[in-house]
């Protein structure tokens, strides 16, 4: 398991890349639905803040290894959902 600092960097990097793709899709995509693009960008920011906070504060009563495995799985699932939304936006 990587340490918390590395995990936070990975989360920030992925969310930054998603945000960049969202901006590019909203500016250069064929469907320029401003409200939909803003909703996706907002969800990326909320996801970033949520997962950075969850890395810092392990859930009490849960083993750390299981907690971080669950955190990574949920993060990956949410990233895949946002990627699908971005593909539909472009």
C-alpha atoms as a PDB file:
ATOM      1  CA  UNK A   1       0.000   0.000   0.000  1.00  0.00           C
ATOM      2  CA  UNK A   2       1.322   3.418  -0.848  1.00  0.00           C
ATOM      3  CA  UNK A   3       1.386   6.096   1.776  1.00  0.00           C
ATOM      4  CA  UNK A   4      -1.296   8.728   2.176  1.00  0.00           C
ATOM      5  CA  UNK A   5       0.745  11.438   0.474  1.00  0.00           C
ATOM      6  CA  UNK A   6       1.183   9.351  -2.681  1.00  0.00           C
ATOM      7  CA  UNK A   7      -2.486   8.409  -2.693  1.00  0.00           C
ATOM      8  CA  UNK A   8      -3.478  12.077  -2.434  1.00  0.00           C
ATOM      9  CA  UNK A   9      -1.146  12.956  -5.321  1.00  0.00           C
ATOM     10  CA  UNK A  10      -2.636  10.222  -7.484  1.00  0.00           C
ATOM     11  CA  UNK A  11      -6.186  11.372  -6.708  1.00  0.00           C
ATOM     12  CA  UNK A  12      -5.280  15.001  -7.444  1.00  0.00           C
ATOM     13  CA  UNK A  13      -3.575  14.059 -10.691  1.00  0.00           C
ATOM     14  CA  UNK A  14      -6.487  11.965 -11.946  1.00  0.00           C
ATOM     15  CA  UNK A  15      -9.056  14.591 -10.976  1.00  0.00           C
ATOM     16  CA  UNK A  16      -6.947  17.308 -12.617  1.00  0.00           C
ATOM     17  CA  UNK A  17      -6.766  15.308 -15.834  1.00  0.00           C
ATOM     18  CA  UNK A  18     -10.519  14.695 -15.756  1.00  0.00           C
ATOM     19  CA  UNK A  19     -11.170  18.395 -15.171  1.00  0.00           C
ATOM     20  CA  UNK A  20      -8.908  19.309 -18.106  1.00  0.00           C
ATOM     21  CA  UNK A  21     -10.718  16.849 -20.359  1.00  0.00           C
ATOM     22  CA  UNK A  22     -14.049  18.270 -19.199  1.00  0.00           C
ATOM     23  CA  UNK A  23     -12.988  21.812 -20.059  1.00  0.00           C
ATOM     24  CA  UNK A  24     -11.702  20.694 -23.462  1.00  0.00           C
ATOM     25  CA  UNK A  25     -14.893  18.754 -24.193  1.00  0.00           C
ATOM     26  CA  UNK A  26     -17.067  21.710 -23.211  1.00  0.00           C
ATOM     27  CA  UNK A  27     -15.090  24.141 -25.373  1.00  0.00           C
ATOM     28  CA  UNK A  28     -14.352  22.011 -28.429  1.00  0.00           C
ATOM     29  CA  UNK A  29     -17.006  19.304 -28.374  1.00  0.00           C
ATOM     30  CA  UNK A  30     -19.819  19.073 -30.879  1.00  0.00           C
ATOM     31  CA  UNK A  31     -22.525  19.284 -28.210  1.00  0.00           C
ATOM     32  CA  UNK A  32     -21.977  22.482 -26.280  1.00  0.00           C
ATOM     33  CA  UNK A  33     -24.472  21.930 -23.498  1.00  0.00           C
ATOM     34  CA  UNK A  34     -23.163  24.380 -20.905  1.00  0.00           C
ATOM     35  CA  UNK A  35     -25.309  23.139 -18.020  1.00  0.00           C
ATOM     36  CA  UNK A  36     -24.313  19.507 -18.525  1.00  0.00           C
ATOM     37  CA  UNK A  37     -20.617  20.427 -18.770  1.00  0.00           C
ATOM     38  CA  UNK A  38     -20.806  22.517 -15.595  1.00  0.00           C
ATOM     39  CA  UNK A  39     -22.520  19.665 -13.758  1.00  0.00           C
ATOM     40  CA  UNK A  40     -19.750  17.251 -14.765  1.00  0.00           C
ATOM     41  CA  UNK A  41     -17.017  19.709 -13.753  1.00  0.00           C
ATOM     42  CA  UNK A  42     -18.726  20.309 -10.421  1.00  0.00           C
ATOM     43  CA  UNK A  43     -18.984  16.577  -9.787  1.00  0.00           C
ATOM     44  CA  UNK A  44     -15.241  16.223 -10.483  1.00  0.00           C
ATOM     45  CA  UNK A  45     -14.425  18.917  -7.924  1.00  0.00           C
ATOM     46  CA  UNK A  46     -16.743  17.376  -5.338  1.00  0.00           C
ATOM     47  CA  UNK A  47     -15.238  13.943  -5.965  1.00  0.00           C
ATOM     48  CA  UNK A  48     -11.715  15.348  -5.530  1.00  0.00           C
ATOM     49  CA  UNK A  49     -12.538  17.011  -2.220  1.00  0.00           C
ATOM     50  CA  UNK A  50     -14.427  13.969  -0.948  1.00  0.00           C
ATOM     51  CA  UNK A  51     -11.661  11.460  -1.646  1.00  0.00           C
ATOM     52  CA  UNK A  52      -8.834  13.688  -0.377  1.00  0.00           C
ATOM     53  CA  UNK A  53     -10.731  14.040   2.904  1.00  0.00           C
ATOM     54  CA  UNK A  54     -11.408  10.316   3.078  1.00  0.00           C
ATOM     55  CA  UNK A  55      -7.695   9.539   2.694  1.00  0.00           C
ATOM     56  CA  UNK A  56      -6.867  11.731   5.685  1.00  0.00           C
ATOM     57  CA  UNK A  57      -9.475  10.282   8.028  1.00  0.00           C
ATOM     58  CA  UNK A  58      -9.708   6.506   8.181  1.00  0.00           C
ATOM     59  CA  UNK A  59     -13.124   5.235   9.200  1.00  0.00           C
ATOM     60  CA  UNK A  60     -13.071   4.118  12.857  1.00  0.00           C
ATOM     61  CA  UNK A  61     -13.495   0.416  13.494  1.00  0.00           C
ATOM     62  CA  UNK A  62     -12.422  -0.595   9.998  1.00  0.00           C
ATOM     63  CA  UNK A  63      -9.045  -2.115   9.202  1.00  0.00           C
ATOM     64  CA  UNK A  64      -6.818   0.332   7.330  1.00  0.00           C
ATOM     65  CA  UNK A  65      -5.996  -2.102   4.531  1.00  0.00           C
ATOM     66  CA  UNK A  66      -9.663  -2.882   3.884  1.00  0.00           C
ATOM     67  CA  UNK A  67     -10.587   0.804   4.118  1.00  0.00           C
ATOM     68  CA  UNK A  68      -8.047   1.905   1.522  1.00  0.00           C
ATOM     69  CA  UNK A  69      -8.885  -0.991  -0.799  1.00  0.00           C
ATOM     70  CA  UNK A  70     -12.546   0.015  -0.645  1.00  0.00           C
ATOM     71  CA  UNK A  71     -11.586   3.662  -1.171  1.00  0.00           C
ATOM     72  CA  UNK A  72      -9.563   2.821  -4.297  1.00  0.00           C
ATOM     73  CA  UNK A  73     -12.334   0.633  -5.704  1.00  0.00           C
ATOM     74  CA  UNK A  74     -14.994   3.305  -5.191  1.00  0.00           C
ATOM     75  CA  UNK A  75     -12.716   5.990  -6.633  1.00  0.00           C
ATOM     76  CA  UNK A  76     -12.034   3.897  -9.745  1.00  0.00           C
ATOM     77  CA  UNK A  77     -15.744   3.246 -10.222  1.00  0.00           C
ATOM     78  CA  UNK A  78     -16.593   6.942  -9.897  1.00  0.00           C
ATOM     79  CA  UNK A  79     -13.778   7.924 -12.289  1.00  0.00           C
ATOM     80  CA  UNK A  80     -15.090   5.469 -14.886  1.00  0.00           C
ATOM     81  CA  UNK A  81     -18.592   6.947 -14.565  1.00  0.00           C
ATOM     82  CA  UNK A  82     -17.246  10.465 -15.120  1.00  0.00           C
ATOM     83  CA  UNK A  83     -15.195   9.311 -18.119  1.00  0.00           C
ATOM     84  CA  UNK A  84     -18.377   7.862 -19.630  1.00  0.00           C
ATOM     85  CA  UNK A  85     -20.176  11.164 -19.023  1.00  0.00           C
ATOM     86  CA  UNK A  86     -17.308  13.067 -20.668  1.00  0.00           C
ATOM     87  CA  UNK A  87     -17.432  10.756 -23.678  1.00  0.00           C
ATOM     88  CA  UNK A  88     -21.149  11.453 -24.043  1.00  0.00           C
ATOM     89  CA  UNK A  89     -20.492  15.186 -23.730  1.00  0.00           C
ATOM     90  CA  UNK A  90     -17.940  15.291 -26.556  1.00  0.00           C
END
